[in-house]
C-alpha cells in the first residue's frame, strides 16, 4: 500500500496552511521543467520541513502520482 499523507495524523495535525494554501484547495502545479498540471487538490503539509537544500521548500502534499513527495508552494497556483 502506498503512503497517503492525507491519512497521516502527523501531517494533517501539523502545519495547516502554507503560503496561503489550505487542505482541499484546488491548485495548478508547475513542475521543475515548466509543465503545468491541473486541477490538483492540496491534501496536507509537511509537519517539519527537511533542512536539506533541495527539499527545504517542499512542504505541500497534493494529489499527484507520488503523493508522498511534497512540492514547493511556489510551484502552486490557486484555481
N, C-alpha and C. Protein backbone atom coordinates (compact mmCIF):
# COMPACT_ATOMS: atom_id res chain seq x y z
N UNK A 1 0.84 -1.17 0.00
CA UNK A 1 0.00 0.00 0.00
C UNK A 1 0.89 1.24 0.00
N UNK A 2 0.52 2.24 -0.78
CA UNK A 2 1.28 3.48 -0.86
C UNK A 2 0.98 4.39 0.33
N UNK A 3 1.98 5.14 0.71
CA UNK A 3 1.81 6.13 1.78
C UNK A 3 0.88 7.23 1.29
N UNK A 4 -0.10 7.58 2.09
CA UNK A 4 -1.03 8.64 1.75
C UNK A 4 -0.98 9.69 2.85
N UNK A 5 -0.35 10.85 2.59
CA UNK A 5 -0.22 11.87 3.64
C UNK A 5 -1.55 12.40 4.13
N UNK A 6 -2.61 12.27 3.33
CA UNK A 6 -3.93 12.76 3.76
C UNK A 6 -4.45 11.96 4.94
N UNK A 7 -3.94 10.74 5.15
CA UNK A 7 -4.38 9.91 6.26
C UNK A 7 -3.39 9.89 7.42
N UNK A 8 -2.33 10.66 7.33
CA UNK A 8 -1.28 10.67 8.35
C UNK A 8 -1.55 11.77 9.36
N UNK A 9 -1.88 11.42 10.62
CA UNK A 9 -2.18 12.47 11.60
C UNK A 9 -1.00 13.39 11.87
N UNK A 10 0.23 12.93 11.67
CA UNK A 10 1.39 13.80 11.88
C UNK A 10 1.44 14.90 10.83
N UNK A 11 0.92 14.62 9.65
CA UNK A 11 0.90 15.63 8.58
C UNK A 11 -0.32 16.52 8.73
N UNK A 12 -1.50 15.91 8.82
CA UNK A 12 -2.72 16.70 8.87
C UNK A 12 -2.85 17.47 10.18
N UNK A 13 -2.16 17.02 11.24
CA UNK A 13 -2.20 17.73 12.51
C UNK A 13 -1.09 18.75 12.63
N UNK A 14 -0.24 18.84 11.63
CA UNK A 14 0.88 19.78 11.67
C UNK A 14 0.50 21.13 11.09
N UNK A 15 1.28 21.60 10.17
CA UNK A 15 1.04 22.90 9.55
C UNK A 15 -0.26 22.82 8.76
N UNK A 16 -1.20 23.70 9.02
CA UNK A 16 -2.48 23.65 8.32
C UNK A 16 -2.54 24.61 7.14
N UNK A 17 -1.70 25.58 7.11
CA UNK A 17 -1.66 26.50 5.98
C UNK A 17 -0.21 26.85 5.67
N UNK A 18 0.09 26.99 4.40
CA UNK A 18 1.43 27.38 3.98
C UNK A 18 1.30 28.26 2.76
N UNK A 19 1.83 29.44 2.84
CA UNK A 19 1.80 30.37 1.72
C UNK A 19 0.38 30.59 1.21
N UNK A 20 -0.59 30.61 2.10
CA UNK A 20 -1.96 30.89 1.73
C UNK A 20 -2.76 29.69 1.25
N UNK A 21 -2.19 28.49 1.27
CA UNK A 21 -2.91 27.29 0.86
C UNK A 21 -3.45 26.57 2.08
N UNK A 22 -4.56 25.86 1.90
CA UNK A 22 -5.09 25.03 2.96
C UNK A 22 -5.60 23.72 2.36
N UNK A 23 -5.79 22.71 3.20
CA UNK A 23 -6.26 21.42 2.72
C UNK A 23 -7.57 21.60 1.96
N UNK A 24 -7.66 20.93 0.81
CA UNK A 24 -8.87 20.99 0.00
C UNK A 24 -8.81 22.01 -1.12
N UNK A 25 -7.83 22.94 -1.09
CA UNK A 25 -7.72 23.93 -2.17
C UNK A 25 -7.44 23.25 -3.49
N UNK A 26 -8.06 23.72 -4.56
CA UNK A 26 -7.77 23.26 -5.92
C UNK A 26 -6.64 24.13 -6.46
N UNK A 27 -5.61 23.47 -7.01
CA UNK A 27 -4.42 24.20 -7.46
C UNK A 27 -3.94 23.70 -8.82
N UNK A 28 -3.14 24.54 -9.46
CA UNK A 28 -2.40 24.16 -10.66
C UNK A 28 -0.95 23.98 -10.21
N UNK A 29 -0.33 22.88 -10.61
CA UNK A 29 1.05 22.58 -10.24
C UNK A 29 1.94 22.74 -11.45
N UNK A 30 3.03 23.49 -11.31
CA UNK A 30 4.03 23.65 -12.36
C UNK A 30 5.29 22.93 -11.89
N UNK A 31 5.73 21.91 -12.68
CA UNK A 31 6.91 21.15 -12.26
C UNK A 31 8.20 21.91 -12.55
N UNK A 32 9.32 21.28 -12.22
CA UNK A 32 10.63 21.94 -12.38
C UNK A 32 10.98 22.24 -13.83
N UNK A 33 10.30 21.63 -14.77
CA UNK A 33 10.57 21.84 -16.19
C UNK A 33 9.57 22.79 -16.84
N UNK A 34 8.67 23.37 -16.05
CA UNK A 34 7.72 24.34 -16.55
C UNK A 34 6.40 23.76 -17.06
N UNK A 35 6.23 22.43 -16.98
CA UNK A 35 4.97 21.82 -17.40
C UNK A 35 3.92 22.04 -16.32
N UNK A 36 2.71 22.41 -16.74
CA UNK A 36 1.63 22.70 -15.81
C UNK A 36 0.61 21.57 -15.80
N UNK A 37 0.12 21.26 -14.59
CA UNK A 37 -0.86 20.18 -14.42
C UNK A 37 -1.96 20.68 -13.50
N UNK A 38 -3.21 20.44 -13.91
CA UNK A 38 -4.34 20.89 -13.09
C UNK A 38 -5.57 20.10 -13.49
N UNK A 39 -6.56 20.04 -12.66
CA UNK A 39 -6.58 20.51 -11.28
C UNK A 39 -6.05 19.45 -10.33
N UNK A 40 -5.44 19.91 -9.27
CA UNK A 40 -4.99 19.04 -8.18
C UNK A 40 -5.55 19.60 -6.89
N UNK A 41 -5.51 18.79 -5.84
CA UNK A 41 -6.04 19.20 -4.54
C UNK A 41 -4.94 19.12 -3.50
N UNK A 42 -4.86 20.15 -2.66
CA UNK A 42 -3.93 20.14 -1.53
C UNK A 42 -4.47 19.14 -0.51
N UNK A 43 -3.62 18.14 -0.14
CA UNK A 43 -4.08 17.11 0.79
C UNK A 43 -3.37 17.16 2.14
N UNK A 44 -2.34 17.97 2.28
CA UNK A 44 -1.67 18.07 3.57
C UNK A 44 -0.39 18.86 3.48
N UNK A 45 0.28 18.96 4.63
CA UNK A 45 1.51 19.73 4.73
C UNK A 45 2.53 18.97 5.55
N UNK A 46 3.80 19.15 5.22
CA UNK A 46 4.89 18.54 5.99
C UNK A 46 4.88 19.19 7.37
N UNK A 47 4.95 18.36 8.39
CA UNK A 47 4.94 18.90 9.75
C UNK A 47 6.24 19.63 10.06
N UNK A 48 7.37 18.98 9.78
CA UNK A 48 8.68 19.58 10.00
C UNK A 48 9.46 19.49 8.69
N UNK A 49 9.51 20.57 7.90
CA UNK A 49 10.21 20.51 6.62
C UNK A 49 11.67 20.09 6.79
N UNK A 50 12.19 19.26 5.86
CA UNK A 50 13.60 18.86 5.92
C UNK A 50 14.52 20.07 5.80
N UNK A 51 15.70 19.93 6.31
CA UNK A 51 16.65 21.04 6.30
C UNK A 51 17.67 20.93 5.16
N UNK A 52 17.48 19.99 4.23
CA UNK A 52 18.41 19.87 3.11
C UNK A 52 18.13 20.98 2.11
N UNK A 53 19.13 21.36 1.35
CA UNK A 53 18.97 22.46 0.40
C UNK A 53 17.96 22.15 -0.69
N UNK A 54 17.88 20.88 -1.12
CA UNK A 54 16.97 20.53 -2.21
C UNK A 54 15.52 20.49 -1.76
N UNK A 55 15.27 19.91 -0.60
CA UNK A 55 13.90 19.71 -0.16
C UNK A 55 13.43 20.75 0.85
N UNK A 56 14.22 21.73 1.14
CA UNK A 56 13.88 22.68 2.20
C UNK A 56 12.54 23.36 1.97
N UNK A 57 12.23 23.73 0.73
CA UNK A 57 10.99 24.46 0.47
C UNK A 57 9.82 23.56 0.12
N UNK A 58 10.05 22.27 -0.03
CA UNK A 58 8.97 21.34 -0.41
C UNK A 58 8.19 20.96 0.84
N UNK A 59 6.98 21.51 0.95
CA UNK A 59 6.21 21.27 2.17
C UNK A 59 4.72 21.07 1.95
N UNK A 60 4.26 21.04 0.70
CA UNK A 60 2.84 20.87 0.43
C UNK A 60 2.61 19.56 -0.31
N UNK A 61 1.71 18.72 0.23
CA UNK A 61 1.34 17.49 -0.45
C UNK A 61 0.11 17.75 -1.31
N UNK A 62 0.16 17.30 -2.57
CA UNK A 62 -1.01 17.39 -3.45
C UNK A 62 -1.29 16.00 -4.01
N UNK A 63 -2.44 15.84 -4.59
CA UNK A 63 -2.86 14.52 -5.10
C UNK A 63 -2.27 14.26 -6.49
N UNK A 64 -0.98 13.99 -6.52
CA UNK A 64 -0.29 13.66 -7.77
C UNK A 64 0.06 12.18 -7.75
N UNK A 65 0.74 11.70 -8.79
CA UNK A 65 1.09 10.29 -8.88
C UNK A 65 1.98 9.82 -7.73
N UNK A 66 2.72 10.73 -7.12
CA UNK A 66 3.56 10.37 -5.97
C UNK A 66 3.17 11.29 -4.80
N UNK A 67 2.01 11.02 -4.15
CA UNK A 67 1.52 11.92 -3.11
C UNK A 67 2.40 11.97 -1.86
N UNK A 68 3.36 11.06 -1.75
CA UNK A 68 4.27 11.06 -0.60
C UNK A 68 5.40 12.08 -0.77
N UNK A 69 5.53 12.69 -1.98
CA UNK A 69 6.61 13.63 -2.25
C UNK A 69 6.03 15.05 -2.25
N UNK A 70 6.38 15.87 -1.25
CA UNK A 70 5.82 17.22 -1.20
C UNK A 70 6.38 18.13 -2.29
N UNK A 71 5.63 19.17 -2.62
CA UNK A 71 6.05 20.13 -3.64
C UNK A 71 6.26 21.49 -3.00
N UNK A 72 6.95 22.34 -3.71
CA UNK A 72 7.23 23.71 -3.26
C UNK A 72 5.95 24.54 -3.43
N UNK A 73 5.52 25.26 -2.41
CA UNK A 73 4.32 26.09 -2.56
C UNK A 73 4.45 27.12 -3.68
N UNK A 74 5.68 27.53 -4.01
CA UNK A 74 5.88 28.48 -5.10
C UNK A 74 5.52 27.89 -6.45
N UNK A 75 5.43 26.54 -6.52
CA UNK A 75 5.07 25.90 -7.79
C UNK A 75 3.57 25.70 -7.93
N UNK A 76 2.80 26.23 -6.97
CA UNK A 76 1.34 26.08 -6.98
C UNK A 76 0.66 27.41 -7.22
N UNK A 77 -0.50 27.33 -7.90
CA UNK A 77 -1.36 28.50 -8.10
C UNK A 77 -2.78 28.07 -7.82
N UNK A 78 -3.49 28.84 -6.99
CA UNK A 78 -4.87 28.52 -6.67
C UNK A 78 -5.74 28.65 -7.93
N UNK A 79 -6.68 27.74 -8.06
CA UNK A 79 -7.64 27.81 -9.17
C UNK A 79 -8.95 28.39 -8.69
